[in-house]
Protein backbone atom coordinates (compact mmCIF):
# COMPACT_ATOMS: atom_id res chain seq x y z
CA UNK A 1 -6.82 24.24 -1.40
CA UNK A 2 -7.27 20.46 -1.54
CA UNK A 3 -10.35 20.53 0.71
CA UNK A 4 -12.79 22.07 -1.83
CA UNK A 5 -11.43 19.76 -4.53
CA UNK A 6 -12.08 16.74 -2.30
CA UNK A 7 -15.57 18.00 -1.52
CA UNK A 8 -16.35 18.34 -5.23
CA UNK A 9 -15.05 14.83 -6.02
CA UNK A 10 -16.96 13.30 -3.12
CA UNK A 11 -20.24 15.07 -3.87
CA UNK A 12 -20.09 14.26 -7.57
CA UNK A 13 -19.51 10.57 -6.86
CA UNK A 14 -22.14 10.25 -4.12
CA UNK A 15 -24.85 12.26 -5.86
CA UNK A 16 -23.91 10.90 -9.29
CA UNK A 17 -24.15 7.32 -8.04
CA UNK A 18 -27.55 8.05 -6.51
CA UNK A 19 -28.77 9.60 -9.75
CA UNK A 20 -27.44 6.71 -11.86
CA UNK A 21 -29.49 4.31 -9.74
CA UNK A 22 -32.59 6.28 -10.72
CA UNK A 23 -32.81 8.41 -7.60
CA UNK A 24 -34.21 11.92 -7.70
CA UNK A 25 -31.71 14.44 -6.32
CA UNK A 26 -34.50 16.76 -5.18
CA UNK A 27 -35.47 14.16 -2.57
CA UNK A 28 -32.12 14.67 -0.82
CA UNK A 29 -32.75 18.37 -0.29
CA UNK A 30 -34.47 18.50 3.09
CA UNK A 31 -33.91 21.97 4.61
CA UNK A 32 -35.45 21.02 7.95
CA UNK A 33 -33.08 18.06 8.29
CA UNK A 34 -30.11 20.29 7.45
CA UNK A 35 -31.28 22.87 9.99
CA UNK A 36 -31.60 20.24 12.72
CA UNK A 37 -28.22 18.61 12.07
CA UNK A 38 -26.14 21.74 11.47
CA UNK A 39 -27.90 23.63 14.26
CA UNK A 40 -27.27 20.81 16.73
CA UNK A 41 -23.60 20.63 15.67
CA UNK A 42 -23.08 24.38 16.09
CA UNK A 43 -24.89 24.33 19.43
CA UNK A 44 -22.72 21.42 20.59
CA UNK A 45 -19.55 23.27 19.60
CA UNK A 46 -20.61 26.48 21.37
CA UNK A 47 -21.79 24.68 24.50
CA UNK A 48 -18.66 22.54 24.89
CA UNK A 49 -16.02 25.26 24.42
CA UNK A 50 -15.23 28.58 26.06
CA UNK A 51 -14.98 31.82 24.11
CA UNK A 52 -11.17 31.71 23.92
CA UNK A 53 -11.24 28.30 22.24
CA UNK A 54 -14.06 29.31 19.90
CA UNK A 55 -12.16 32.44 18.85
CA UNK A 56 -8.99 30.44 18.25
CA UNK A 57 -10.92 27.87 16.21
CA UNK A 58 -12.62 30.55 14.11
CA UNK A 59 -9.19 31.89 13.17
CA UNK A 60 -7.63 28.48 12.56
CA UNK A 61 -10.29 26.89 10.33
CA UNK A 62 -9.91 29.33 7.39
CA UNK A 63 -6.15 28.66 7.40
CA UNK A 64 -6.87 25.03 6.47
CA UNK A 65 -8.19 26.24 3.09
CA UNK A 66 -4.98 28.10 2.27
CA UNK A 67 -1.82 26.53 0.93
CA UNK A 68 0.80 25.99 3.64
CA UNK A 69 3.43 28.72 3.33
CA UNK A 70 6.23 26.36 4.40
CA UNK A 71 8.61 25.59 1.53
CA UNK A 72 12.17 24.50 0.92
CA UNK A 73 13.06 28.16 0.36
CA UNK A 74 11.82 29.09 3.83
CA UNK A 75 13.88 26.33 5.44
CA UNK A 76 16.93 27.37 3.46
CA UNK A 77 16.49 30.94 4.65
CA UNK A 78 16.04 29.77 8.24
CA UNK A 79 19.16 27.62 8.15
CA UNK A 80 21.16 30.41 6.52
CA UNK A 81 19.98 32.89 9.16
CA UNK A 82 20.98 30.49 11.91
CA UNK A 83 24.34 29.92 10.23
CA UNK A 84 25.00 33.66 10.03
CA UNK A 85 24.06 34.10 13.68
CA UNK A 86 26.33 31.29 14.82
CA UNK A 87 29.15 32.40 12.54
CA UNK A 88 29.02 35.91 13.94
CA UNK A 89 29.04 34.54 17.49
CA UNK A 90 32.12 32.51 16.63
CA UNK A 91 33.85 35.49 15.00
CA UNK A 92 32.77 38.48 17.10
CA UNK A 93 31.28 37.00 20.26
CA UNK A 94 27.74 36.69 21.53
CA UNK A 95 27.46 40.33 22.56
CA UNK A 96 27.81 41.43 18.92
CA UNK A 97 24.23 40.21 18.36
CA UNK A 98 22.62 42.07 21.24
CA UNK A 99 21.10 44.84 19.09
CA UNK A 100 19.81 42.33 16.51
CA UNK A 101 18.20 40.18 19.18
CA UNK A 102 16.57 43.06 21.03
CA UNK A 103 14.98 44.56 17.91
CA UNK A 104 14.97 42.11 14.96
CA UNK A 105 12.66 44.41 12.96
CA UNK A 106 15.47 46.96 12.57
CA UNK A 107 18.24 44.39 12.28
CA UNK A 108 20.14 44.30 8.99
CA UNK A 109 20.84 40.61 9.60
CA UNK A 110 17.18 39.63 9.99
CA UNK A 111 16.14 41.98 7.17
CA UNK A 112 18.04 39.75 4.72
CA UNK A 113 15.45 37.03 5.34
CA UNK A 114 11.95 38.53 4.90
CA UNK A 115 10.35 35.06 4.67
CA UNK A 116 11.45 34.43 8.25
CA UNK A 117 10.40 37.85 9.47
CA UNK A 118 6.81 37.16 8.36
CA UNK A 119 6.54 34.49 11.07
CA UNK A 120 6.75 36.56 14.24
CA UNK A 121 6.24 33.49 16.45
CA UNK A 122 9.32 31.84 14.96
CA UNK A 123 11.38 35.03 15.26
CA UNK A 124 10.27 35.44 18.86
CA UNK A 125 11.18 31.83 19.63
CA UNK A 126 14.68 32.32 18.19
CA UNK A 127 15.40 35.69 19.79
CA UNK A 128 14.07 34.64 23.21
CA UNK A 129 16.59 31.81 23.47
CA UNK A 130 19.37 33.92 22.04
CA UNK A 131 18.56 36.41 24.79
CA UNK A 132 18.85 33.63 27.39
CA UNK A 133 22.23 32.68 25.95
CA UNK A 134 23.31 36.30 26.33
CA UNK A 135 22.29 36.17 29.98
CA UNK A 136 24.44 33.09 30.46
CA UNK A 137 22.42 31.86 33.45
CA UNK A 138 21.19 28.57 31.92
CA UNK A 139 23.16 25.53 30.80
CA UNK A 140 22.47 23.31 27.79
CA UNK A 141 20.22 20.85 29.65
CA UNK A 142 18.12 23.63 31.13
CA UNK A 143 17.73 25.34 27.74
CA UNK A 144 16.78 22.05 26.10
CA UNK A 145 14.21 21.25 28.80
CA UNK A 146 12.70 24.72 28.53
CA UNK A 147 12.53 24.46 24.72
CA UNK A 148 10.76 21.11 24.95
CA UNK A 149 8.21 22.50 27.38
CA UNK A 150 7.54 25.56 25.19
CA UNK A 151 7.21 23.44 22.05
CA UNK A 152 4.85 21.11 23.92
CA UNK A 153 2.66 24.10 24.85
CA UNK A 154 2.85 25.35 21.25
CA UNK A 155 1.68 21.94 20.01
CA UNK A 156 -1.17 21.82 22.54
CA UNK A 157 -2.39 25.29 21.56
CA UNK A 158 -2.23 24.43 17.85
CA UNK A 159 -4.11 21.17 18.47
CA UNK A 160 -7.05 22.78 20.30
CA UNK A 161 -8.91 23.89 17.11
CA UNK A 162 -8.19 20.50 15.54
CA UNK A 163 -9.79 18.77 18.52
CA UNK A 164 -12.85 21.06 18.36
CA UNK A 165 -13.45 20.41 14.66
CA UNK A 166 -12.81 16.67 15.01
CA UNK A 167 -15.29 16.37 17.90
CA UNK A 168 -17.93 18.12 15.80
CA UNK A 169 -17.23 15.68 12.95
CA UNK A 170 -17.54 12.73 15.35
CA UNK A 171 -20.86 14.04 16.67
CA UNK A 172 -22.52 14.69 13.29
CA UNK A 173 -23.63 11.07 12.63
CA UNK A 174 -25.43 11.09 15.99
CA UNK A 175 -27.13 14.37 15.15
CA UNK A 176 -28.14 12.82 11.83
CA UNK A 177 -29.83 10.01 13.77
CA UNK A 178 -31.58 12.58 15.97
CA UNK A 179 -32.95 14.30 12.86
CA UNK A 180 -34.00 10.91 11.43
CA UNK A 181 -35.80 9.94 14.64
CA UNK A 182 -37.63 13.26 14.64
CA UNK A 183 -38.70 12.50 11.06
CA UNK A 184 -39.92 9.04 12.06
CA UNK A 185 -41.90 10.53 14.95
CA UNK A 186 -43.51 12.94 12.50
CA UNK A 187 -44.27 10.03 10.15
CA UNK A 188 -45.87 7.99 12.92
CA UNK A 189 -48.12 10.94 13.67
CA UNK A 190 -49.24 10.92 10.05
CA UNK A 191 -49.91 7.17 9.81
CA UNK A 192 -53.32 7.74 8.25
CA UNK A 193 -51.86 9.24 5.08
CA UNK A 194 -51.76 7.28 1.80
CA UNK A 195 -48.74 4.95 1.33
CA UNK A 196 -47.08 7.24 -1.23
CA UNK A 197 -47.22 10.15 1.22
CA UNK A 198 -45.86 8.01 4.05
CA UNK A 199 -43.03 6.88 1.77
CA UNK A 200 -42.01 10.48 1.20
CA UNK A 201 -42.01 11.18 4.93
CA UNK A 202 -39.93 8.09 5.71
CA UNK A 203 -37.51 8.96 2.92
CA UNK A 204 -37.12 12.48 4.27
CA UNK A 205 -36.39 11.06 7.73
CA UNK A 206 -33.72 8.71 6.40
CA UNK A 207 -32.04 11.65 4.65
CA UNK A 208 -31.12 12.90 8.14
CA UNK A 209 -28.95 9.83 8.78
CA UNK A 210 -27.43 10.18 5.32
CA UNK A 211 -26.60 13.86 5.80
CA UNK A 212 -25.12 13.35 9.26
CA UNK A 213 -22.68 10.70 8.04
CA UNK A 214 -21.86 12.58 4.83
CA UNK A 215 -21.18 15.85 6.65
CA UNK A 216 -19.01 14.06 9.20
CA UNK A 217 -16.72 12.05 6.96
CA UNK A 218 -16.75 14.04 3.74
CA UNK A 219 -17.07 17.68 4.84
CA UNK A 220 -15.99 18.39 8.43
CA UNK A 221 -13.59 15.49 9.11
CA UNK A 222 -11.19 16.41 6.28
CA UNK A 223 -10.86 19.96 7.66
CA UNK A 224 -9.58 18.59 10.97
CA UNK A 225 -7.15 16.28 9.18
CA UNK A 226 -5.67 19.08 7.07
CA UNK A 227 -5.38 21.35 10.11
CA UNK A 228 -3.41 18.66 11.95
CA UNK A 229 -1.13 18.04 8.97
CA UNK A 230 -0.43 21.77 8.60
CA UNK A 231 0.43 22.03 12.30
CA UNK A 232 2.95 19.21 11.98
CA UNK A 233 4.67 20.87 9.01
CA UNK A 234 4.79 24.29 10.65
CA UNK A 235 6.21 22.89 13.91
CA UNK A 236 9.29 21.63 12.07
CA UNK A 237 10.68 25.18 11.80
CA UNK A 238 10.69 25.46 15.60
CA UNK A 239 12.30 22.03 15.96
CA UNK A 240 14.91 23.08 13.43
CA UNK A 241 15.83 26.15 15.52
CA UNK A 242 15.99 23.99 18.63
CA UNK A 243 18.31 21.42 17.03
CA UNK A 244 20.68 24.03 15.62
CA UNK A 245 20.95 26.03 18.83
CA UNK A 246 21.51 22.97 21.01
CA UNK A 247 24.17 21.71 18.62
CA UNK A 248 25.90 25.07 18.87
CA UNK A 249 25.73 25.05 22.67
CA UNK A 250 27.28 21.58 22.65
CA UNK A 251 30.32 22.94 20.83
CA UNK A 252 29.67 22.08 17.17
CA UNK A 253 30.80 24.44 14.40
CA UNK A 254 28.19 26.64 12.64
CA UNK A 255 28.28 24.41 9.55
CA UNK A 256 27.80 21.24 11.59
CA UNK A 257 25.11 22.86 13.75
CA UNK A 258 22.88 23.80 10.79
CA UNK A 259 23.30 20.27 9.50
CA UNK A 260 21.58 19.07 12.68
CA UNK A 261 18.65 21.32 11.80
CA UNK A 262 18.57 20.19 8.17
CA UNK A 263 18.38 16.52 9.10
CA UNK A 264 15.11 16.78 11.06
CA UNK A 265 13.14 18.32 8.17
CA UNK A 266 10.69 16.36 6.05
CA UNK A 267 12.48 14.86 3.01
CA UNK A 268 10.36 16.70 0.43
CA UNK A 269 11.05 20.07 2.09
CA UNK A 270 14.63 19.38 3.19
CA UNK A 271 17.36 21.23 1.27
CA UNK A 272 20.11 18.97 0.04
CA UNK A 273 23.54 19.13 1.67
CA UNK A 274 24.92 20.83 -1.44
CA UNK A 275 22.12 23.41 -1.57
CA UNK A 276 22.67 24.33 2.06
CA UNK A 277 26.44 24.39 1.62
CA UNK A 278 26.18 26.73 -1.37
CA UNK A 279 23.78 29.04 0.46
CA UNK A 280 25.87 29.22 3.63
CA UNK A 281 29.02 29.87 1.64
CA UNK A 282 27.27 32.71 -0.17
CA UNK A 283 26.01 34.11 3.15
CA UNK A 284 29.48 33.82 4.65
CA UNK A 285 31.01 35.70 1.74
CA UNK A 286 28.66 38.66 2.10
């Protein structure tokens, strides 16, 4: 929810500074300029993207206004789930997990971690590679290569809405200039008016440039930045699964394998070694 707060701070400072210099705020309200700039931006976005991308963007933008659901608790749960899976493989063999992998929604093991079950993409990623391990047809290098390719596709898909919003932000200053030029053209056609009337027309035209730049850098641009940051945080869960599973396939113990996953997390969201050790010991004792 930092985006609306940033908008409020920016608008108060920009408009407050204008007012303190003796400017009249009513002058900045030019509905026709807003219509031209916003309409051109929306038209540009629709014209330069197919319906699949537009639909994906429409779903992704509102998520930027919500707090990211990733927390230290979620990573702890993920690491504990991975530890339990690997520990059971070590104790009872890989085939003991077949029922859990095939239908995680009815699995008692997965049910212990509802925060993980909420992310069906993450659960699907985990169970798909567990299923491949059950098949036994792929070696470690092949699994790692396939994981990297899938994560690359995942990153590309997540970045598409970011790119759409960022391109709109980059185009807004130009659309502001278009609106300003249209205002100047209108002013030149009214050259016979008194100077005070011409001043108002020129001022209204210049508002177009102002609005285009303001909308770009203060309104739309921050949305793209937050979307990109959220994508980076959310991708860490997938990288964590990848690191733990590859460590396991390379022969490390369950405790050492989850440590590989813990180490790649962002420091502020990373559980400490002691926190993870306490949680895994508690899970092991259940």
